[in-house]
Amino acid sequence: MEGPANKRELEKKEDEFKTTLHQELEISMSSSDFKQELLRLGHVLDRYEEDLNIFNQQPKKRRSRRKKKPYCYYKCSRLRNKAVPGEDDLEQEKNYQYGDKVCERRIDETLIQQEISGKTMDKFMILICGTRSFDEDIMKCCDNLGFNQKQMFKF
């Protein structure tokens, strides 16, 4: 912001510096150790230069729009092949969190197709974790549905 207020402040700062410099020179001339006084005068000049640099810095422009951060949305369904012997329904429900979708069903192509219906397939990433036979079945299902290998991650 170049305006009258800034110019006045800059002139005031320069006047203060000239007064300080004049006083320092008078002290230096009357001193017996001229080398020390020159060093001290150098420090005064350095401080003044730093002050001017800070004073003359232009204010940063504010961005009118903030960048939107990407978010990762995911959906989790718990599927069980069969009930665990010896556990009743109450014990099984303790292990799940609020909002979990729990089914007793095998994962197959129709289930995956239902989950992805109406969505763009190139935005999906499929994480696969299980036994070797399970991994092979799921990768085969995903291949049949049109997912590429870059979208599937087996761990």
C-alpha atoms as a PDB file:
ATOM      1  CA  MET A   1       0.000   0.000   0.000  1.00  0.00           C
ATOM      2  CA  GLU A   2       1.757   3.104  -1.215  1.00  0.00           C
ATOM      3  CA  GLY A   3      -0.055   6.031   0.305  1.00  0.00           C
ATOM      4  CA  PRO A   4       0.578   9.274   2.174  1.00  0.00           C
ATOM      5  CA  ALA A   5       0.574   7.490   5.534  1.00  0.00           C
ATOM      6  CA  ASN A   6       3.295   5.070   4.425  1.00  0.00           C
ATOM      7  CA  LYS A   7       5.414   7.881   2.985  1.00  0.00           C
ATOM      8  CA  ARG A   8       5.142   9.858   6.217  1.00  0.00           C
ATOM      9  CA  GLU A   9       6.118   6.812   8.253  1.00  0.00           C
ATOM     10  CA  LEU A  10       9.078   6.149   5.960  1.00  0.00           C
ATOM     11  CA  GLU A  11      10.245   9.778   6.220  1.00  0.00           C
ATOM     12  CA  LYS A  12       9.901   9.615  10.005  1.00  0.00           C
ATOM     13  CA  LYS A  13      11.971   6.408  10.074  1.00  0.00           C
ATOM     14  CA  GLU A  14      14.674   8.011   7.903  1.00  0.00           C
ATOM     15  CA  ASP A  15      14.792  11.110  10.151  1.00  0.00           C
ATOM     16  CA  GLU A  16      15.193   8.882  13.210  1.00  0.00           C
ATOM     17  CA  PHE A  17      18.017   7.047  11.478  1.00  0.00           C
ATOM     18  CA  LYS A  18      19.795  10.275  10.508  1.00  0.00           C
ATOM     19  CA  THR A  19      19.558  11.534  14.082  1.00  0.00           C
ATOM     20  CA  THR A  20      20.870   8.233  15.457  1.00  0.00           C
ATOM     21  CA  LEU A  21      23.657   8.126  12.870  1.00  0.00           C
ATOM     22  CA  HIS A  22      24.668  11.720  13.655  1.00  0.00           C
ATOM     23  CA  GLN A  23      24.792  10.939  17.386  1.00  0.00           C
ATOM     24  CA  GLU A  24      26.818   7.780  16.762  1.00  0.00           C
ATOM     25  CA  LEU A  25      29.300   9.675  14.591  1.00  0.00           C
ATOM     26  CA  GLU A  26      29.772  12.339  17.271  1.00  0.00           C
ATOM     27  CA  ILE A  27      30.481   9.608  19.835  1.00  0.00           C
ATOM     28  CA  SER A  28      32.869   7.870  17.425  1.00  0.00           C
ATOM     29  CA  MET A  29      34.860  11.012  16.734  1.00  0.00           C
ATOM     30  CA  SER A  30      35.339  11.726  20.411  1.00  0.00           C
ATOM     31  CA  SER A  31      36.297   8.139  21.250  1.00  0.00           C
ATOM     32  CA  SER A  32      39.886   6.997  21.527  1.00  0.00           C
ATOM     33  CA  ASP A  33      39.160   3.450  20.249  1.00  0.00           C
ATOM     34  CA  PHE A  34      38.032   4.289  16.718  1.00  0.00           C
ATOM     35  CA  LYS A  35      37.959   0.646  15.483  1.00  0.00           C
ATOM     36  CA  GLN A  36      35.442  -0.406  18.172  1.00  0.00           C
ATOM     37  CA  GLU A  37      33.282   2.594  17.383  1.00  0.00           C
ATOM     38  CA  LEU A  38      33.237   1.750  13.667  1.00  0.00           C
ATOM     39  CA  LEU A  39      32.109  -1.791  14.506  1.00  0.00           C
ATOM     40  CA  ARG A  40      29.359  -0.398  16.720  1.00  0.00           C
ATOM     41  CA  LEU A  41      28.348   1.973  13.928  1.00  0.00           C
ATOM     42  CA  GLY A  42      28.207  -0.997  11.524  1.00  0.00           C
ATOM     43  CA  HIS A  43      25.762  -2.740  13.869  1.00  0.00           C
ATOM     44  CA  VAL A  44      23.575   0.370  13.916  1.00  0.00           C
ATOM     45  CA  LEU A  45      23.550   0.427  10.100  1.00  0.00           C
ATOM     46  CA  ASP A  46      22.682  -3.281   9.951  1.00  0.00           C
ATOM     47  CA  ARG A  47      19.769  -2.817  12.371  1.00  0.00           C
ATOM     48  CA  TYR A  48      18.504   0.124  10.333  1.00  0.00           C
ATOM     49  CA  GLU A  49      18.691  -1.906   7.115  1.00  0.00           C
ATOM     50  CA  GLU A  50      16.739  -4.768   8.734  1.00  0.00           C
ATOM     51  CA  ASP A  51      14.114  -2.306   9.988  1.00  0.00           C
ATOM     52  CA  LEU A  52      13.736  -0.811   6.513  1.00  0.00           C
ATOM     53  CA  ASN A  53      13.431  -4.235   4.892  1.00  0.00           C
ATOM     54  CA  ILE A  54      10.660  -5.191   7.298  1.00  0.00           C
ATOM     55  CA  PHE A  55       8.983  -1.820   6.889  1.00  0.00           C
ATOM     56  CA  ASN A  56       9.075  -1.884   3.067  1.00  0.00           C
ATOM     57  CA  GLN A  57       7.751  -5.412   2.647  1.00  0.00           C
ATOM     58  CA  GLN A  58       4.548  -5.515   0.681  1.00  0.00           C
ATOM     59  CA  PRO A  59       1.599  -7.107   2.464  1.00  0.00           C
ATOM     60  CA  LYS A  60       0.730 -10.564   1.181  1.00  0.00           C
ATOM     61  CA  LYS A  61      -2.314 -10.778  -1.012  1.00  0.00           C
ATOM     62  CA  ARG A  62      -5.168 -12.761   0.429  1.00  0.00           C
ATOM     63  CA  ARG A  63      -6.484 -15.578  -1.645  1.00  0.00           C
ATOM     64  CA  SER A  64     -10.077 -15.199  -2.590  1.00  0.00           C
ATOM     65  CA  ARG A  65     -10.608 -18.942  -2.725  1.00  0.00           C
ATOM     66  CA  ARG A  66      -9.122 -21.586  -0.536  1.00  0.00           C
ATOM     67  CA  LYS A  67      -7.966 -24.790  -2.084  1.00  0.00           C
ATOM     68  CA  LYS A  68     -10.266 -27.626  -1.306  1.00  0.00           C
ATOM     69  CA  LYS A  69      -8.587 -30.548   0.355  1.00  0.00           C
ATOM     70  CA  PRO A  70      -9.365 -33.957  -1.105  1.00  0.00           C
ATOM     71  CA  TYR A  71     -11.241 -36.264   1.199  1.00  0.00           C
ATOM     72  CA  CYS A  72     -11.420 -40.000   1.127  1.00  0.00           C
ATOM     73  CA  TYR A  73     -14.941 -41.336   1.525  1.00  0.00           C
ATOM     74  CA  TYR A  74     -15.389 -45.003   2.112  1.00  0.00           C
ATOM     75  CA  LYS A  75     -18.126 -47.429   2.928  1.00  0.00           C
ATOM     76  CA  CYS A  76     -17.625 -50.485   5.073  1.00  0.00           C
ATOM     77  CA  SER A  77     -19.808 -53.570   5.075  1.00  0.00           C
ATOM     78  CA  ARG A  78     -19.153 -56.614   7.215  1.00  0.00           C
ATOM     79  CA  LEU A  79     -19.938 -59.885   5.511  1.00  0.00           C
ATOM     80  CA  ARG A  80     -19.756 -63.249   7.207  1.00  0.00           C
ATOM     81  CA  ASN A  81     -19.891 -66.586   5.451  1.00  0.00           C
ATOM     82  CA  LYS A  82     -21.655 -68.274   8.345  1.00  0.00           C
ATOM     83  CA  ALA A  83     -22.480 -67.808  12.005  1.00  0.00           C
ATOM     84  CA  VAL A  84     -19.726 -68.608  14.472  1.00  0.00           C
ATOM     85  CA  PRO A  85     -20.668 -71.683  16.520  1.00  0.00           C
ATOM     86  CA  GLY A  86     -21.150 -70.954  20.221  1.00  0.00           C
ATOM     87  CA  GLU A  87     -21.844 -67.223  19.784  1.00  0.00           C
ATOM     88  CA  ASP A  88     -25.338 -65.847  20.093  1.00  0.00           C
ATOM     89  CA  ASP A  89     -26.531 -62.724  18.252  1.00  0.00           C
ATOM     90  CA  LEU A  90     -25.908 -60.407  21.235  1.00  0.00           C
ATOM     91  CA  GLU A  91     -22.245 -61.421  21.489  1.00  0.00           C
ATOM     92  CA  GLN A  92     -21.758 -60.933  17.755  1.00  0.00           C
ATOM     93  CA  GLU A  93     -23.338 -57.454  17.799  1.00  0.00           C
ATOM     94  CA  LYS A  94     -20.868 -56.267  20.478  1.00  0.00           C
ATOM     95  CA  ASN A  95     -18.049 -56.562  17.936  1.00  0.00           C
ATOM     96  CA  TYR A  96     -19.697 -54.177  15.460  1.00  0.00           C
ATOM     97  CA  GLN A  97     -19.864 -50.413  15.477  1.00  0.00           C
ATOM     98  CA  TYR A  98     -22.881 -48.170  15.047  1.00  0.00           C
ATOM     99  CA  GLY A  99     -23.878 -47.892  11.403  1.00  0.00           C
ATOM    100  CA  ASP A 100     -22.123 -51.084  10.277  1.00  0.00           C
ATOM    101  CA  LYS A 101     -23.954 -53.096   7.664  1.00  0.00           C
ATOM    102  CA  VAL A 102     -23.723 -56.766   8.632  1.00  0.00           C
ATOM    103  CA  CYS A 103     -24.780 -59.633   6.333  1.00  0.00           C
ATOM    104  CA  GLU A 104     -24.304 -63.377   6.324  1.00  0.00           C
ATOM    105  CA  ARG A 105     -23.414 -63.827   2.678  1.00  0.00           C
ATOM    106  CA  ARG A 106     -20.478 -64.574   0.402  1.00  0.00           C
ATOM    107  CA  ILE A 107     -18.901 -61.776  -1.577  1.00  0.00           C
ATOM    108  CA  ASP A 108     -19.570 -62.309  -5.258  1.00  0.00           C
ATOM    109  CA  GLU A 109     -19.937 -60.321  -8.474  1.00  0.00           C
ATOM    110  CA  THR A 110     -23.599 -59.466  -7.869  1.00  0.00           C
ATOM    111  CA  LEU A 111     -22.858 -57.998  -4.427  1.00  0.00           C
ATOM    112  CA  ILE A 112     -19.957 -55.924  -5.765  1.00  0.00           C
ATOM    113  CA  GLN A 113     -22.129 -54.784  -8.689  1.00  0.00           C
ATOM    114  CA  GLN A 114     -24.852 -53.652  -6.231  1.00  0.00           C
ATOM    115  CA  GLU A 115     -22.314 -51.650  -4.204  1.00  0.00           C
ATOM    116  CA  ILE A 116     -20.867 -49.795  -7.201  1.00  0.00           C
ATOM    117  CA  SER A 117     -24.054 -49.286  -9.214  1.00  0.00           C
ATOM    118  CA  GLY A 118     -24.565 -45.705 -10.369  1.00  0.00           C
ATOM    119  CA  LYS A 119     -21.026 -44.577  -9.530  1.00  0.00           C
ATOM    120  CA  THR A 120     -18.041 -43.851 -11.761  1.00  0.00           C
ATOM    121  CA  MET A 121     -15.730 -46.840 -11.712  1.00  0.00           C
ATOM    122  CA  ASP A 122     -12.477 -44.943 -12.275  1.00  0.00           C
ATOM    123  CA  LYS A 123     -12.758 -43.324  -8.813  1.00  0.00           C
ATOM    124  CA  PHE A 124     -12.746 -46.626  -6.931  1.00  0.00           C
ATOM    125  CA  MET A 125      -9.815 -48.295  -5.233  1.00  0.00           C
ATOM    126  CA  ILE A 126     -10.336 -51.848  -4.094  1.00  0.00           C
ATOM    127  CA  LEU A 127      -8.342 -53.135  -1.126  1.00  0.00           C
ATOM    128  CA  ILE A 128      -8.231 -56.906  -0.863  1.00  0.00           C
ATOM    129  CA  CYS A 129      -7.084 -58.860   2.159  1.00  0.00           C
ATOM    130  CA  GLY A 130      -7.719 -62.522   2.811  1.00  0.00           C
ATOM    131  CA  THR A 131      -6.627 -66.020   1.977  1.00  0.00           C
ATOM    132  CA  ARG A 132      -5.044 -66.746  -1.382  1.00  0.00           C
ATOM    133  CA  SER A 133      -8.239 -68.311  -2.751  1.00  0.00           C
ATOM    134  CA  PHE A 134     -10.326 -65.344  -1.519  1.00  0.00           C
ATOM    135  CA  ASP A 135      -7.904 -62.860  -3.119  1.00  0.00           C
ATOM    136  CA  GLU A 136      -8.060 -64.726  -6.436  1.00  0.00           C
ATOM    137  CA  ASP A 137     -11.882 -64.845  -6.386  1.00  0.00           C
ATOM    138  CA  ILE A 138     -12.239 -61.139  -5.636  1.00  0.00           C
ATOM    139  CA  MET A 139      -9.641 -60.114  -8.234  1.00  0.00           C
ATOM    140  CA  LYS A 140     -11.431 -62.276 -10.820  1.00  0.00           C
ATOM    141  CA  CYS A 141     -14.789 -60.651  -9.939  1.00  0.00           C
ATOM    142  CA  CYS A 142     -13.287 -57.166 -10.207  1.00  0.00           C
ATOM    143  CA  ASP A 143     -11.688 -57.993 -13.568  1.00  0.00           C
ATOM    144  CA  ASN A 144     -15.062 -59.211 -14.863  1.00  0.00           C
ATOM    145  CA  LEU A 145     -16.706 -55.968 -13.687  1.00  0.00           C
ATOM    146  CA  GLY A 146     -14.178 -53.843 -15.609  1.00  0.00           C
ATOM    147  CA  PHE A 147     -11.754 -52.673 -12.926  1.00  0.00           C
ATOM    148  CA  ASN A 148      -8.112 -52.405 -13.972  1.00  0.00           C
ATOM    149  CA  GLN A 149      -5.147 -53.772 -12.023  1.00  0.00           C
ATOM    150  CA  LYS A 150      -4.091 -50.290 -10.834  1.00  0.00           C
ATOM    151  CA  GLN A 151      -7.365 -49.933  -8.923  1.00  0.00           C
ATOM    152  CA  MET A 152      -6.855 -53.182  -7.000  1.00  0.00           C
ATOM    153  CA  PHE A 153      -4.434 -53.461  -4.112  1.00  0.00           C
ATOM    154  CA  LYS A 154      -3.802 -56.764  -2.392  1.00  0.00           C
ATOM    155  CA  PHE A 155      -2.217 -56.712   1.052  1.00  0.00           C
END
